[in-house]
Amino acid sequence: MLSKQINGDNLSYTLLKMPHVCVSIFLYFCLITSIRMKTIALNNVVWREGGHFVAQCLNVDVSSFGATKEEALTNLQEALELYFEDNDHPEVNYIHDAELIDSTLNYA
């Protein structure tokens, strides 16, 4: 017998009476165990802008914000996870020796 707890309701399946459930669960297990997690190193920057902190990834066009630096970075992490999950072939710019340079601009 197979049991699964969903929202407090106990759903029980008898595999002998419901072989399609067994096959579905087996295929789901195979899918979950076959997913290979990828790791990528990204360069992020965070700064204060008005009353919030902005966090931006320099490698892909993804940014987020939060009330604190930590919240902005946590929100950026979530946004990046969604970005990479939704893109089969994301375009990643690799950044080397990033440096913050101050400049002055005169404009009309």
Protein backbone atom coordinates (compact mmCIF):
# COMPACT_ATOMS: atom_id res chain seq x y z
CA MET A 1 0.00 0.00 0.00
CA LEU A 2 1.20 3.52 -0.82
CA SER A 3 0.16 6.52 1.27
CA LYS A 4 0.72 10.21 0.70
CA GLN A 5 -0.18 13.06 3.08
CA ILE A 6 -1.79 16.00 1.23
CA ASN A 7 -3.27 18.95 3.11
CA GLY A 8 -4.05 16.77 6.11
CA ASP A 9 -6.02 14.23 4.03
CA ASN A 10 -4.59 10.73 3.96
CA LEU A 11 -4.82 9.40 0.41
CA SER A 12 -4.18 5.68 0.10
CA TYR A 13 -3.70 3.77 -3.08
CA THR A 14 -3.68 0.02 -3.48
CA LEU A 15 -1.10 -0.62 -6.16
CA LEU A 16 -2.59 -3.95 -7.18
CA LYS A 17 -5.91 -2.30 -7.99
CA MET A 18 -4.32 0.79 -9.55
CA PRO A 19 -1.19 -0.21 -11.53
CA HIS A 20 -1.17 3.11 -13.42
CA VAL A 21 -0.47 4.88 -10.11
CA CYS A 22 2.56 2.69 -9.57
CA VAL A 23 3.83 3.45 -13.08
CA SER A 24 3.23 7.19 -12.63
CA ILE A 25 5.08 7.26 -9.33
CA PHE A 26 7.94 5.24 -10.80
CA LEU A 27 8.25 7.63 -13.77
CA TYR A 28 8.13 10.64 -11.44
CA PHE A 29 10.88 9.10 -9.29
CA CYS A 30 13.00 8.45 -12.40
CA LEU A 31 12.51 12.04 -13.54
CA ILE A 32 13.43 13.53 -10.17
CA THR A 33 16.51 11.34 -9.74
CA SER A 34 17.70 11.95 -13.31
CA ILE A 35 17.67 15.75 -13.03
CA ARG A 36 21.24 16.91 -12.72
CA MET A 37 21.76 20.15 -10.89
CA LYS A 38 24.13 22.56 -12.61
CA THR A 39 26.37 25.01 -10.83
CA ILE A 40 27.41 28.37 -12.20
CA ALA A 41 29.49 31.14 -10.63
CA LEU A 42 27.88 34.56 -11.00
CA ASN A 43 29.00 38.09 -10.21
CA ASN A 44 26.42 40.17 -8.35
CA VAL A 45 26.48 43.76 -7.19
CA VAL A 46 24.29 45.43 -4.58
CA TRP A 47 23.80 49.12 -3.83
CA ARG A 48 21.48 51.43 -1.94
CA GLU A 49 19.02 53.38 -4.06
CA GLY A 50 16.60 55.62 -2.19
CA GLY A 51 14.95 53.58 0.57
CA HIS A 52 15.81 50.19 -0.93
CA PHE A 53 18.76 48.05 -1.86
CA VAL A 54 19.12 46.90 -5.47
CA ALA A 55 20.92 43.66 -6.34
CA GLN A 56 21.92 42.97 -9.91
CA CYS A 57 23.64 40.06 -11.60
CA LEU A 58 26.36 41.24 -13.98
CA ASN A 59 26.37 37.99 -15.97
CA VAL A 60 22.70 37.98 -17.02
CA ASP A 61 20.06 40.69 -17.21
CA VAL A 62 18.42 39.92 -13.84
CA SER A 63 17.98 42.21 -10.85
CA SER A 64 15.85 42.54 -7.75
CA PHE A 65 15.50 44.72 -4.67
CA GLY A 66 14.70 44.58 -0.97
CA ALA A 67 14.48 46.64 2.19
CA THR A 68 17.89 45.32 3.31
CA LYS A 69 21.00 44.18 1.50
CA GLU A 70 20.36 40.59 2.59
CA GLU A 71 16.75 40.71 1.37
CA ALA A 72 17.82 42.15 -1.98
CA LEU A 73 20.39 39.37 -2.43
CA THR A 74 17.89 36.68 -1.38
CA ASN A 75 15.35 38.07 -3.87
CA LEU A 76 18.03 38.15 -6.57
CA GLN A 77 18.91 34.52 -5.85
CA GLU A 78 15.26 33.53 -6.32
CA ALA A 79 14.98 35.58 -9.52
CA LEU A 80 18.15 33.94 -10.88
CA GLU A 81 16.86 30.46 -10.08
CA LEU A 82 13.65 31.21 -11.98
CA TYR A 83 15.61 32.73 -14.87
CA PHE A 84 17.79 29.66 -15.29
CA GLU A 85 14.88 27.24 -14.84
CA ASP A 86 12.90 29.00 -17.59
CA ASN A 87 15.79 29.23 -20.10
CA ASP A 88 17.13 26.10 -21.76
CA HIS A 89 20.10 27.97 -23.23
CA PRO A 90 20.69 31.15 -21.22
CA GLU A 91 23.21 33.65 -22.52
CA VAL A 92 25.75 34.19 -19.76
CA ASN A 93 28.40 36.91 -19.94
CA TYR A 94 31.50 35.92 -18.02
CA ILE A 95 32.96 38.82 -16.06
CA HIS A 96 36.66 38.96 -15.21
CA ASP A 97 38.33 41.45 -12.87
CA ALA A 98 35.26 43.64 -12.31
CA GLU A 99 36.12 47.02 -10.86
CA LEU A 100 34.01 49.94 -9.64
CA ILE A 101 35.23 53.12 -11.33
CA ASP A 102 33.98 56.60 -10.40
CA SER A 103 33.60 59.04 -13.27
CA THR A 104 32.34 62.54 -13.93
CA LEU A 105 30.14 63.46 -16.89
CA ASN A 106 29.20 66.91 -18.17
CA TYR A 107 25.92 67.03 -20.05
CA ALA A 108 23.44 69.61 -21.29
